[in-house]
Amino acid sequence: MLLVAAMLSGSSMFIGCGGGVDEEQMQALNNLKAEVESLQSQVRAKEDERASLQRQISDKDAKIKKCNDDMAKTRSCLDNFGKESK
C-alpha cells in the first residue's frame, strides 16, 4: 500500500514538472500551421493551373488530330480524282 502511494505521488510530480507549452512554442506552432495552410493553398492553385493546361493541351491535340484526318481525306480524294480522270 505504501509502495502504491509512493508511486502515485511520484508520478504526479513528474506530470506537474512538464510545465506544458510556453507562449513562444505556441506562437511557433501557430506560425507553422499558417505556413502549412499557405503552402496547401499554393498546391491547390498549382493543381488547378495544371488541370487547366492539360485541358488546353487535350483541346489542341484534338484539333491537330482533326486537321490530320481532314488532310488525309483530302489527299485521298485528290488521289482518287487523278485516277478517275484518266
C-alpha atoms as a PDB file:
ATOM      1  CA  MET A   1       0.000   0.000   0.000  1.00  0.00           C
ATOM      2  CA  LEU A   2       2.836   2.319   0.875  1.00  0.00           C
ATOM      3  CA  LEU A   3       4.513   1.477  -2.409  1.00  0.00           C
ATOM      4  CA  VAL A   4       1.377   2.387  -4.393  1.00  0.00           C
ATOM      5  CA  ALA A   5       1.085   5.704  -2.553  1.00  0.00           C
ATOM      6  CA  ALA A   6       4.742   6.471  -3.283  1.00  0.00           C
ATOM      7  CA  MET A   7       4.260   5.646  -6.964  1.00  0.00           C
ATOM      8  CA  LEU A   8       1.188   7.878  -7.250  1.00  0.00           C
ATOM      9  CA  SER A   9       2.839  10.823  -5.549  1.00  0.00           C
ATOM     10  CA  GLY A  10       5.973  10.350  -7.671  1.00  0.00           C
ATOM     11  CA  SER A  11       4.003  10.188 -10.917  1.00  0.00           C
ATOM     12  CA  SER A  12       2.080  13.366 -10.062  1.00  0.00           C
ATOM     13  CA  MET A  13       5.403  15.083  -9.506  1.00  0.00           C
ATOM     14  CA  PHE A  14       6.595  14.053 -12.988  1.00  0.00           C
ATOM     15  CA  ILE A  15       3.357  15.198 -14.602  1.00  0.00           C
ATOM     16  CA  GLY A  16       3.475  18.534 -12.793  1.00  0.00           C
ATOM     17  CA  CYS A  17       7.081  19.169 -13.856  1.00  0.00           C
ATOM     18  CA  GLY A  18       6.222  19.121 -17.552  1.00  0.00           C
ATOM     19  CA  GLY A  19       5.264  22.763 -17.480  1.00  0.00           C
ATOM     20  CA  GLY A  20       3.232  22.470 -20.677  1.00  0.00           C
ATOM     21  CA  VAL A  21       3.781  24.669 -23.686  1.00  0.00           C
ATOM     22  CA  ASP A  22       5.014  28.206 -23.277  1.00  0.00           C
ATOM     23  CA  GLU A  23       3.824  31.193 -25.309  1.00  0.00           C
ATOM     24  CA  GLU A  24       6.844  31.159 -27.626  1.00  0.00           C
ATOM     25  CA  GLN A  25       6.312  27.497 -28.530  1.00  0.00           C
ATOM     26  CA  MET A  26       2.600  28.145 -29.094  1.00  0.00           C
ATOM     27  CA  GLN A  27       3.412  31.065 -31.422  1.00  0.00           C
ATOM     28  CA  ALA A  28       5.907  28.898 -33.324  1.00  0.00           C
ATOM     29  CA  LEU A  29       3.245  26.205 -33.678  1.00  0.00           C
ATOM     30  CA  ASN A  30       0.692  28.738 -34.920  1.00  0.00           C
ATOM     31  CA  ASN A  31       3.231  30.105 -37.407  1.00  0.00           C
ATOM     32  CA  LEU A  32       3.894  26.599 -38.703  1.00  0.00           C
ATOM     33  CA  LYS A  33       0.173  25.918 -39.041  1.00  0.00           C
ATOM     34  CA  ALA A  34      -0.261  29.153 -41.013  1.00  0.00           C
ATOM     35  CA  GLU A  35       2.664  28.237 -43.260  1.00  0.00           C
ATOM     36  CA  VAL A  36       1.237  24.765 -43.900  1.00  0.00           C
ATOM     37  CA  GLU A  37      -2.134  26.277 -44.766  1.00  0.00           C
ATOM     38  CA  SER A  38      -0.482  28.751 -47.140  1.00  0.00           C
ATOM     39  CA  LEU A  39       1.512  26.003 -48.834  1.00  0.00           C
ATOM     40  CA  GLN A  40      -1.566  23.815 -49.197  1.00  0.00           C
ATOM     41  CA  SER A  41      -3.363  26.724 -50.823  1.00  0.00           C
ATOM     42  CA  GLN A  42      -0.481  27.177 -53.249  1.00  0.00           C
ATOM     43  CA  VAL A  43      -0.533  23.462 -54.064  1.00  0.00           C
ATOM     44  CA  ARG A  44      -4.271  23.619 -54.828  1.00  0.00           C
ATOM     45  CA  ALA A  45      -3.737  26.657 -57.070  1.00  0.00           C
ATOM     46  CA  LYS A  46      -0.938  24.890 -58.967  1.00  0.00           C
ATOM     47  CA  GLU A  47      -3.061  21.747 -59.336  1.00  0.00           C
ATOM     48  CA  ASP A  48      -5.891  23.861 -60.775  1.00  0.00           C
ATOM     49  CA  GLU A  49      -3.457  25.541 -63.162  1.00  0.00           C
ATOM     50  CA  ARG A  50      -2.078  22.155 -64.206  1.00  0.00           C
ATOM     51  CA  ALA A  51      -5.565  20.809 -64.887  1.00  0.00           C
ATOM     52  CA  SER A  52      -6.344  23.875 -66.996  1.00  0.00           C
ATOM     53  CA  LEU A  53      -3.158  23.427 -69.012  1.00  0.00           C
ATOM     54  CA  GLN A  54      -3.909  19.744 -69.522  1.00  0.00           C
ATOM     55  CA  ARG A  55      -7.376  20.640 -70.861  1.00  0.00           C
ATOM     56  CA  GLN A  56      -5.807  23.130 -73.253  1.00  0.00           C
ATOM     57  CA  ILE A  57      -3.330  20.506 -74.455  1.00  0.00           C
ATOM     58  CA  SER A  58      -6.140  17.997 -74.968  1.00  0.00           C
ATOM     59  CA  ASP A  59      -8.138  20.549 -76.964  1.00  0.00           C
ATOM     60  CA  LYS A  60      -5.145  21.339 -79.173  1.00  0.00           C
ATOM     61  CA  ASP A  61      -4.381  17.635 -79.649  1.00  0.00           C
ATOM     62  CA  ALA A  62      -7.984  17.065 -80.752  1.00  0.00           C
ATOM     63  CA  LYS A  63      -7.741  19.938 -83.248  1.00  0.00           C
ATOM     64  CA  ILE A  64      -4.459  18.583 -84.623  1.00  0.00           C
ATOM     65  CA  LYS A  65      -5.988  15.113 -84.996  1.00  0.00           C
ATOM     66  CA  LYS A  66      -8.991  16.571 -86.837  1.00  0.00           C
ATOM     67  CA  CYS A  67      -6.697  18.564 -89.155  1.00  0.00           C
ATOM     68  CA  ASN A  68      -4.622  15.453 -89.873  1.00  0.00           C
ATOM     69  CA  ASP A  69      -7.785  13.436 -90.586  1.00  0.00           C
ATOM     70  CA  ASP A  70      -9.109  16.167 -92.886  1.00  0.00           C
ATOM     71  CA  MET A  71      -5.771  16.356 -94.684  1.00  0.00           C
ATOM     72  CA  ALA A  72      -5.708  12.578 -95.164  1.00  0.00           C
ATOM     73  CA  LYS A  73      -9.255  12.630 -96.585  1.00  0.00           C
ATOM     74  CA  THR A  74      -8.368  15.495 -98.913  1.00  0.00           C
ATOM     75  CA  ARG A  75      -5.259  13.669-100.167  1.00  0.00           C
ATOM     76  CA  SER A  76      -7.311  10.525-100.689  1.00  0.00           C
ATOM     77  CA  CYS A  77      -9.919  12.469-102.663  1.00  0.00           C
ATOM     78  CA  LEU A  78      -7.210  14.120-104.773  1.00  0.00           C
ATOM     79  CA  ASP A  79      -5.527  10.777-105.446  1.00  0.00           C
ATOM     80  CA  ASN A  80      -8.862   9.239-106.457  1.00  0.00           C
ATOM     81  CA  PHE A  81      -9.744  12.285-108.603  1.00  0.00           C
ATOM     82  CA  GLY A  82      -6.494  11.903-110.514  1.00  0.00           C
ATOM     83  CA  LYS A  83      -7.180   8.190-111.161  1.00  0.00           C
ATOM     84  CA  GLU A  84     -10.801   8.746-112.258  1.00  0.00           C
ATOM     85  CA  SER A  85      -9.980  11.448-114.769  1.00  0.00           C
ATOM     86  CA  LYS A  86      -7.530   9.228-116.684  1.00  0.00           C
END
